[in-house]
Amino acid sequence: MVFDRVSVPVAVCDVYGAVQVANPAMAAEFGTTPGRLRGRDVLELFRPQEATQVERIAEALRLRHRSRYQVSVRWRAPDGAQRYGELTADPVSDTVEDTPALLVMLRVLAEREAHEQRRPPQVAPIEARILALLASGTTTAQAARETDLTVDGVNYHLRRLSSRWNAANRTELVARAYALGVLTPGVWPPTPASWDGAE
């Protein structure tokens, strides 16, 4: 699906802000899978910097205005860092009479570390699960089935990890996961260090 291949975090919400579908890039901002964002309120996931921005948008939508709306937001990344960005919401529908859905895109602007002293590199639970599956010799297609992601979704997480850790290939990525303490050494099948069985 083209939606899954988009590298920008994107979601489609109903007019009240409930997520109907999200791409892997949006889910990665919260260390989860797209399916687990379904039904969540976008304004619970992202805290607006100014409440008045949201009130103006809500009023415009009630009046069926079809403009592009932008909201400055902040949220907590899976590693505990406070992140800042801008949500852009575009009302979309098949006809003018239909109640529009909202196509929501996120632009990440900045990040501030949550603690002065950070623990060893943290990864999202879904990323740790994918790394463990990779370390056990699972193919990308098998990892996708095990994690309820698409193959593109798994590849997206692997690209992000490779970029973050400067890993040249999957073998190096798994090696770094062990070296950084993300995977527990000496355990088979491979297991994330903080694995509790939940994603």
C-alpha atoms as a PDB file:
ATOM      1  CA  MET A   1       0.000   0.000   0.000  1.00  0.00           C
ATOM      2  CA  VAL A   2       1.363   3.418  -1.000  1.00  0.00           C
ATOM      3  CA  PHE A   3       0.289   4.845   2.371  1.00  0.00           C
ATOM      4  CA  ASP A   4       2.744   2.508   4.164  1.00  0.00           C
ATOM      5  CA  ARG A   5       5.645   3.621   1.955  1.00  0.00           C
ATOM      6  CA  VAL A   6       5.335   7.320   2.787  1.00  0.00           C
ATOM      7  CA  SER A   7       8.266   8.272   5.008  1.00  0.00           C
ATOM      8  CA  VAL A   8       6.449  11.281   6.493  1.00  0.00           C
ATOM      9  CA  PRO A   9       4.249  10.459   9.526  1.00  0.00           C
ATOM     10  CA  VAL A  10       0.661  10.485   8.206  1.00  0.00           C
ATOM     11  CA  ALA A  11      -2.750   9.505   9.593  1.00  0.00           C
ATOM     12  CA  VAL A  12      -6.354   9.781   8.489  1.00  0.00           C
ATOM     13  CA  CYS A  13      -8.723  10.871  11.275  1.00  0.00           C
ATOM     14  CA  ASP A  14     -12.459  11.384  11.446  1.00  0.00           C
ATOM     15  CA  VAL A  15     -13.742  14.932  11.872  1.00  0.00           C
ATOM     16  CA  TYR A  16     -13.516  14.529  15.673  1.00  0.00           C
ATOM     17  CA  GLY A  17      -9.820  13.591  15.546  1.00  0.00           C
ATOM     18  CA  ALA A  18     -10.063   9.814  16.089  1.00  0.00           C
ATOM     19  CA  VAL A  19      -7.363   7.983  14.094  1.00  0.00           C
ATOM     20  CA  GLN A  20      -8.876   5.730  11.426  1.00  0.00           C
ATOM     21  CA  VAL A  21      -5.608   4.642   9.815  1.00  0.00           C
ATOM     22  CA  ALA A  22      -1.945   5.554  10.354  1.00  0.00           C
ATOM     23  CA  ASN A  23       1.226   4.716   8.457  1.00  0.00           C
ATOM     24  CA  PRO A  24       4.328   3.055  10.020  1.00  0.00           C
ATOM     25  CA  ALA A  25       6.132   6.414  10.196  1.00  0.00           C
ATOM     26  CA  MET A  26       3.371   7.855  12.406  1.00  0.00           C
ATOM     27  CA  ALA A  27       3.248   4.719  14.567  1.00  0.00           C
ATOM     28  CA  ALA A  28       7.049   4.826  14.998  1.00  0.00           C
ATOM     29  CA  GLU A  29       6.734   8.217  16.716  1.00  0.00           C
ATOM     30  CA  PHE A  30       5.034   6.297  19.554  1.00  0.00           C
ATOM     31  CA  GLY A  31       6.979   3.046  19.321  1.00  0.00           C
ATOM     32  CA  THR A  32       3.995   0.994  18.230  1.00  0.00           C
ATOM     33  CA  THR A  33       2.235  -0.452  15.192  1.00  0.00           C
ATOM     34  CA  PRO A  34      -0.260   1.427  13.001  1.00  0.00           C
ATOM     35  CA  GLY A  35      -3.137  -0.775  14.157  1.00  0.00           C
ATOM     36  CA  ARG A  36      -2.594   0.214  17.781  1.00  0.00           C
ATOM     37  CA  LEU A  37      -3.156   3.892  16.943  1.00  0.00           C
ATOM     38  CA  ARG A  38      -6.591   3.208  15.452  1.00  0.00           C
ATOM     39  CA  GLY A  39      -9.327   4.887  17.503  1.00  0.00           C
ATOM     40  CA  ARG A  40      -6.894   7.050  19.492  1.00  0.00           C
ATOM     41  CA  ASP A  41      -7.585  10.777  19.673  1.00  0.00           C
ATOM     42  CA  VAL A  42      -4.897  12.618  17.715  1.00  0.00           C
ATOM     43  CA  LEU A  43      -4.919  15.424  20.312  1.00  0.00           C
ATOM     44  CA  GLU A  44      -4.212  12.904  23.088  1.00  0.00           C
ATOM     45  CA  LEU A  45      -1.206  11.636  21.139  1.00  0.00           C
ATOM     46  CA  PHE A  46       0.036  15.155  20.349  1.00  0.00           C
ATOM     47  CA  ARG A  47      -0.411  17.972  22.851  1.00  0.00           C
ATOM     48  CA  PRO A  48      -1.139  21.316  21.176  1.00  0.00           C
ATOM     49  CA  GLN A  49       1.171  24.183  22.147  1.00  0.00           C
ATOM     50  CA  GLU A  50      -1.802  26.577  22.065  1.00  0.00           C
ATOM     51  CA  ALA A  51      -5.354  25.449  22.848  1.00  0.00           C
ATOM     52  CA  THR A  52      -6.759  28.368  20.837  1.00  0.00           C
ATOM     53  CA  GLN A  53      -5.379  26.843  17.614  1.00  0.00           C
ATOM     54  CA  VAL A  54      -7.512  23.733  18.138  1.00  0.00           C
ATOM     55  CA  GLU A  55     -10.621  25.754  19.009  1.00  0.00           C
ATOM     56  CA  ARG A  56     -10.291  27.767  15.779  1.00  0.00           C
ATOM     57  CA  ILE A  57      -9.941  24.575  13.719  1.00  0.00           C
ATOM     58  CA  ALA A  58     -12.920  22.907  15.416  1.00  0.00           C
ATOM     59  CA  GLU A  59     -15.088  25.967  14.705  1.00  0.00           C
ATOM     60  CA  ALA A  60     -13.934  26.092  11.063  1.00  0.00           C
ATOM     61  CA  LEU A  61     -14.759  22.394  10.596  1.00  0.00           C
ATOM     62  CA  ARG A  62     -18.204  22.894  12.128  1.00  0.00           C
ATOM     63  CA  LEU A  63     -18.767  25.612   9.529  1.00  0.00           C
ATOM     64  CA  ARG A  64     -17.531  23.164   6.812  1.00  0.00           C
ATOM     65  CA  HIS A  65     -14.574  25.338   5.836  1.00  0.00           C
ATOM     66  CA  ARG A  66     -12.093  23.353   3.764  1.00  0.00           C
ATOM     67  CA  SER A  67      -8.779  24.999   4.478  1.00  0.00           C
ATOM     68  CA  ARG A  68      -5.453  23.539   5.523  1.00  0.00           C
ATOM     69  CA  TYR A  69      -4.998  23.791   9.296  1.00  0.00           C
ATOM     70  CA  GLN A  70      -1.717  23.758  11.205  1.00  0.00           C
ATOM     71  CA  VAL A  71      -1.178  23.099  14.904  1.00  0.00           C
ATOM     72  CA  SER A  72       2.110  23.349  16.804  1.00  0.00           C
ATOM     73  CA  VAL A  73       2.394  20.219  18.967  1.00  0.00           C
ATOM     74  CA  ARG A  74       4.664  18.338  21.360  1.00  0.00           C
ATOM     75  CA  TRP A  75       4.773  14.654  22.284  1.00  0.00           C
ATOM     76  CA  ARG A  76       6.903  12.119  24.129  1.00  0.00           C
ATOM     77  CA  ALA A  77       9.064   9.855  21.936  1.00  0.00           C
ATOM     78  CA  PRO A  78       9.551   6.163  22.885  1.00  0.00           C
ATOM     79  CA  ASP A  79      13.055   6.975  24.214  1.00  0.00           C
ATOM     80  CA  GLY A  80      11.614   9.556  26.621  1.00  0.00           C
ATOM     81  CA  ALA A  81      12.674  12.640  24.658  1.00  0.00           C
ATOM     82  CA  GLN A  82      10.243  15.538  24.328  1.00  0.00           C
ATOM     83  CA  ARG A  83       9.659  16.192  20.644  1.00  0.00           C
ATOM     84  CA  TYR A  84       8.186  19.232  18.934  1.00  0.00           C
ATOM     85  CA  GLY A  85       6.606  19.637  15.551  1.00  0.00           C
ATOM     86  CA  GLU A  86       3.704  20.782  13.465  1.00  0.00           C
ATOM     87  CA  LEU A  87       0.571  18.868  12.542  1.00  0.00           C
ATOM     88  CA  THR A  88      -1.070  19.815   9.266  1.00  0.00           C
ATOM     89  CA  ALA A  89      -4.698  18.739   8.825  1.00  0.00           C
ATOM     90  CA  ASP A  90      -6.407  18.798   5.435  1.00  0.00           C
ATOM     91  CA  PRO A  91     -10.162  18.053   5.287  1.00  0.00           C
ATOM     92  CA  VAL A  92     -10.815  15.462   2.548  1.00  0.00           C
ATOM     93  CA  SER A  93     -14.022  13.862   1.244  1.00  0.00           C
ATOM     94  CA  ASP A  94     -15.503  12.541  -1.987  1.00  0.00           C
ATOM     95  CA  THR A  95     -18.048  15.347  -2.244  1.00  0.00           C
ATOM     96  CA  VAL A  96     -18.538  18.774  -0.686  1.00  0.00           C
ATOM     97  CA  GLU A  97     -21.669  17.532   1.097  1.00  0.00           C
ATOM     98  CA  ASP A  98     -19.897  14.607   2.800  1.00  0.00           C
ATOM     99  CA  THR A  99     -18.541  15.042   6.321  1.00  0.00           C
ATOM    100  CA  PRO A 100     -14.801  15.325   5.725  1.00  0.00           C
ATOM    101  CA  ALA A 101     -12.094  13.129   7.147  1.00  0.00           C
ATOM    102  CA  LEU A 102      -8.821  14.768   8.161  1.00  0.00           C
ATOM    103  CA  LEU A 103      -5.550  13.895   6.445  1.00  0.00           C
ATOM    104  CA  VAL A 104      -3.011  14.645   9.178  1.00  0.00           C
ATOM    105  CA  MET A 105       0.726  15.003   8.460  1.00  0.00           C
ATOM    106  CA  LEU A 106       3.452  15.545  11.041  1.00  0.00           C
ATOM    107  CA  ARG A 107       6.585  17.610  10.564  1.00  0.00           C
ATOM    108  CA  VAL A 108       9.140  16.988  13.327  1.00  0.00           C
ATOM    109  CA  LEU A 109      10.951  20.221  14.202  1.00  0.00           C
ATOM    110  CA  ALA A 110      13.018  19.582  17.346  1.00  0.00           C
ATOM    111  CA  GLU A 111      13.773  17.213  20.206  1.00  0.00           C
ATOM    112  CA  ARG A 112      14.821  17.773  23.801  1.00  0.00           C
ATOM    113  CA  GLU A 113      16.216  14.929  25.867  1.00  0.00           C
ATOM    114  CA  ALA A 114      14.072  13.924  28.807  1.00  0.00           C
ATOM    115  CA  HIS A 115      17.028  13.363  31.153  1.00  0.00           C
ATOM    116  CA  GLU A 116      20.528  14.725  31.367  1.00  0.00           C
ATOM    117  CA  GLN A 117      21.807  11.193  31.953  1.00  0.00           C
ATOM    118  CA  ARG A 118      20.229   8.868  29.441  1.00  0.00           C
ATOM    119  CA  ARG A 119      20.113   5.114  29.643  1.00  0.00           C
ATOM    120  CA  PRO A 120      21.704   3.053  26.857  1.00  0.00           C
ATOM    121  CA  PRO A 121      19.975   3.532  23.499  1.00  0.00           C
ATOM    122  CA  GLN A 122      16.294   2.749  23.737  1.00  0.00           C
ATOM    123  CA  VAL A 123      14.269   1.265  20.941  1.00  0.00           C
ATOM    124  CA  ALA A 124      10.525   1.025  20.546  1.00  0.00           C
ATOM    125  CA  PRO A 125       9.039  -2.364  21.545  1.00  0.00           C
ATOM    126  CA  ILE A 126       8.147  -3.076  17.913  1.00  0.00           C
ATOM    127  CA  GLU A 127      11.740  -2.321  16.848  1.00  0.00           C
ATOM    128  CA  ALA A 128      13.135  -4.613  19.550  1.00  0.00           C
ATOM    129  CA  ARG A 129      10.749  -7.359  18.433  1.00  0.00           C
ATOM    130  CA  ILE A 130      11.839  -6.982  14.801  1.00  0.00           C
ATOM    131  CA  LEU A 131      15.527  -7.093  15.835  1.00  0.00           C
ATOM    132  CA  ALA A 132      14.936 -10.263  17.872  1.00  0.00           C
ATOM    133  CA  LEU A 133      13.162 -11.907  14.928  1.00  0.00           C
ATOM    134  CA  LEU A 134      15.979 -10.873  12.593  1.00  0.00           C
ATOM    135  CA  ALA A 135      18.586 -12.269  14.980  1.00  0.00           C
ATOM    136  CA  SER A 136      16.792 -15.633  14.949  1.00  0.00           C
ATOM    137  CA  GLY A 137      17.054 -15.801  11.144  1.00  0.00           C
ATOM    138  CA  THR A 138      13.495 -14.746  10.325  1.00  0.00           C
ATOM    139  CA  THR A 139      12.896 -13.314   6.850  1.00  0.00           C
ATOM    140  CA  THR A 140      11.341  -9.870   6.386  1.00  0.00           C
ATOM    141  CA  ALA A 141       8.068 -11.465   5.236  1.00  0.00           C
ATOM    142  CA  GLN A 142       7.974 -13.730   8.322  1.00  0.00           C
ATOM    143  CA  ALA A 143       8.791 -10.771  10.594  1.00  0.00           C
ATOM    144  CA  ALA A 144       5.913  -8.842   8.994  1.00  0.00           C
ATOM    145  CA  ARG A 145       3.484 -11.689   9.761  1.00  0.00           C
ATOM    146  CA  GLU A 146       4.777 -12.030  13.350  1.00  0.00           C
ATOM    147  CA  THR A 147       4.396  -8.293  14.066  1.00  0.00           C
ATOM    148  CA  ASP A 148       1.188  -7.578  12.101  1.00  0.00           C
ATOM    149  CA  LEU A 149       3.066  -5.139   9.877  1.00  0.00           C
ATOM    150  CA  THR A 150       3.474  -5.051   6.133  1.00  0.00           C
ATOM    151  CA  VAL A 151       6.852  -5.938   4.633  1.00  0.00           C
ATOM    152  CA  ASP A 152       7.264  -2.218   3.915  1.00  0.00           C
ATOM    153  CA  GLY A 153       6.481  -1.468   7.555  1.00  0.00           C
ATOM    154  CA  VAL A 154       9.228  -3.848   8.750  1.00  0.00           C
ATOM    155  CA  ASN A 155      11.673  -2.366   6.229  1.00  0.00           C
ATOM    156  CA  TYR A 156      10.781   1.121   7.434  1.00  0.00           C
ATOM    157  CA  HIS A 157      11.769   0.244  11.019  1.00  0.00           C
ATOM    158  CA  LEU A 158      14.958  -1.448   9.831  1.00  0.00           C
ATOM    159  CA  ARG A 159      15.934   1.619   7.777  1.00  0.00           C
ATOM    160  CA  ARG A 160      15.341   3.888  10.781  1.00  0.00           C
ATOM    161  CA  LEU A 161      17.468   1.677  13.041  1.00  0.00           C
ATOM    162  CA  SER A 162      20.223   1.355  10.418  1.00  0.00           C
ATOM    163  CA  SER A 163      20.316   5.123  10.035  1.00  0.00           C
ATOM    164  CA  ARG A 164      20.258   5.745  13.804  1.00  0.00           C
ATOM    165  CA  TRP A 165      23.066   3.255  14.487  1.00  0.00           C
ATOM    166  CA  ASN A 166      24.945   3.810  11.217  1.00  0.00           C
ATOM    167  CA  ALA A 167      24.705   0.098  10.387  1.00  0.00           C
ATOM    168  CA  ALA A 168      25.689  -0.916   6.856  1.00  0.00           C
ATOM    169  CA  ASN A 169      23.549  -4.071   6.694  1.00  0.00           C
ATOM    170  CA  ARG A 170      21.259  -6.310   8.747  1.00  0.00           C
ATOM    171  CA  THR A 171      24.087  -8.397  10.154  1.00  0.00           C
ATOM    172  CA  GLU A 172      25.715  -5.264  11.528  1.00  0.00           C
ATOM    173  CA  LEU A 173      22.338  -4.062  12.799  1.00  0.00           C
ATOM    174  CA  VAL A 174      21.841  -7.255  14.841  1.00  0.00           C
ATOM    175  CA  ALA A 175      25.446  -7.090  16.097  1.00  0.00           C
ATOM    176  CA  ARG A 176      24.898  -3.522  17.281  1.00  0.00           C
ATOM    177  CA  ALA A 177      21.640  -4.507  18.970  1.00  0.00           C
ATOM    178  CA  TYR A 178      23.594  -7.024  21.069  1.00  0.00           C
ATOM    179  CA  ALA A 179      26.481  -4.594  21.670  1.00  0.00           C
ATOM    180  CA  LEU A 180      24.100  -1.840  22.818  1.00  0.00           C
ATOM    181  CA  GLY A 181      22.221  -4.169  25.161  1.00  0.00           C
ATOM    182  CA  VAL A 182      18.988  -4.101  23.185  1.00  0.00           C
ATOM    183  CA  LEU A 183      19.093  -7.894  22.733  1.00  0.00           C
ATOM    184  CA  THR A 184      20.034 -10.182  25.626  1.00  0.00           C
ATOM    185  CA  PRO A 185      23.311 -12.058  24.956  1.00  0.00           C
ATOM    186  CA  GLY A 186      23.432 -15.811  25.525  1.00  0.00           C
ATOM    187  CA  VAL A 187      19.665 -16.326  25.177  1.00  0.00           C
ATOM    188  CA  TRP A 188      17.930 -18.388  22.493  1.00  0.00           C
ATOM    189  CA  PRO A 189      15.639 -17.574  20.871  1.00  0.00           C
ATOM    190  CA  PRO A 190      16.900 -13.982  20.745  1.00  0.00           C
ATOM    191  CA  THR A 191      15.025 -11.750  23.193  1.00  0.00           C
ATOM    192  CA  PRO A 192      14.902  -7.991  23.742  1.00  0.00           C
ATOM    193  CA  ALA A 193      16.703  -7.055  26.958  1.00  0.00           C
ATOM    194  CA  SER A 194      13.571  -5.540  28.519  1.00  0.00           C
ATOM    195  CA  TRP A 195      11.182  -8.012  26.898  1.00  0.00           C
ATOM    196  CA  ASP A 196       7.940  -8.514  28.787  1.00  0.00           C
ATOM    197  CA  GLY A 197       6.000 -10.272  26.069  1.00  0.00           C
ATOM    198  CA  ALA A 198       4.004  -7.188  25.052  1.00  0.00           C
ATOM    199  CA  GLU A 199       4.479  -4.923  22.114  1.00  0.00           C
END
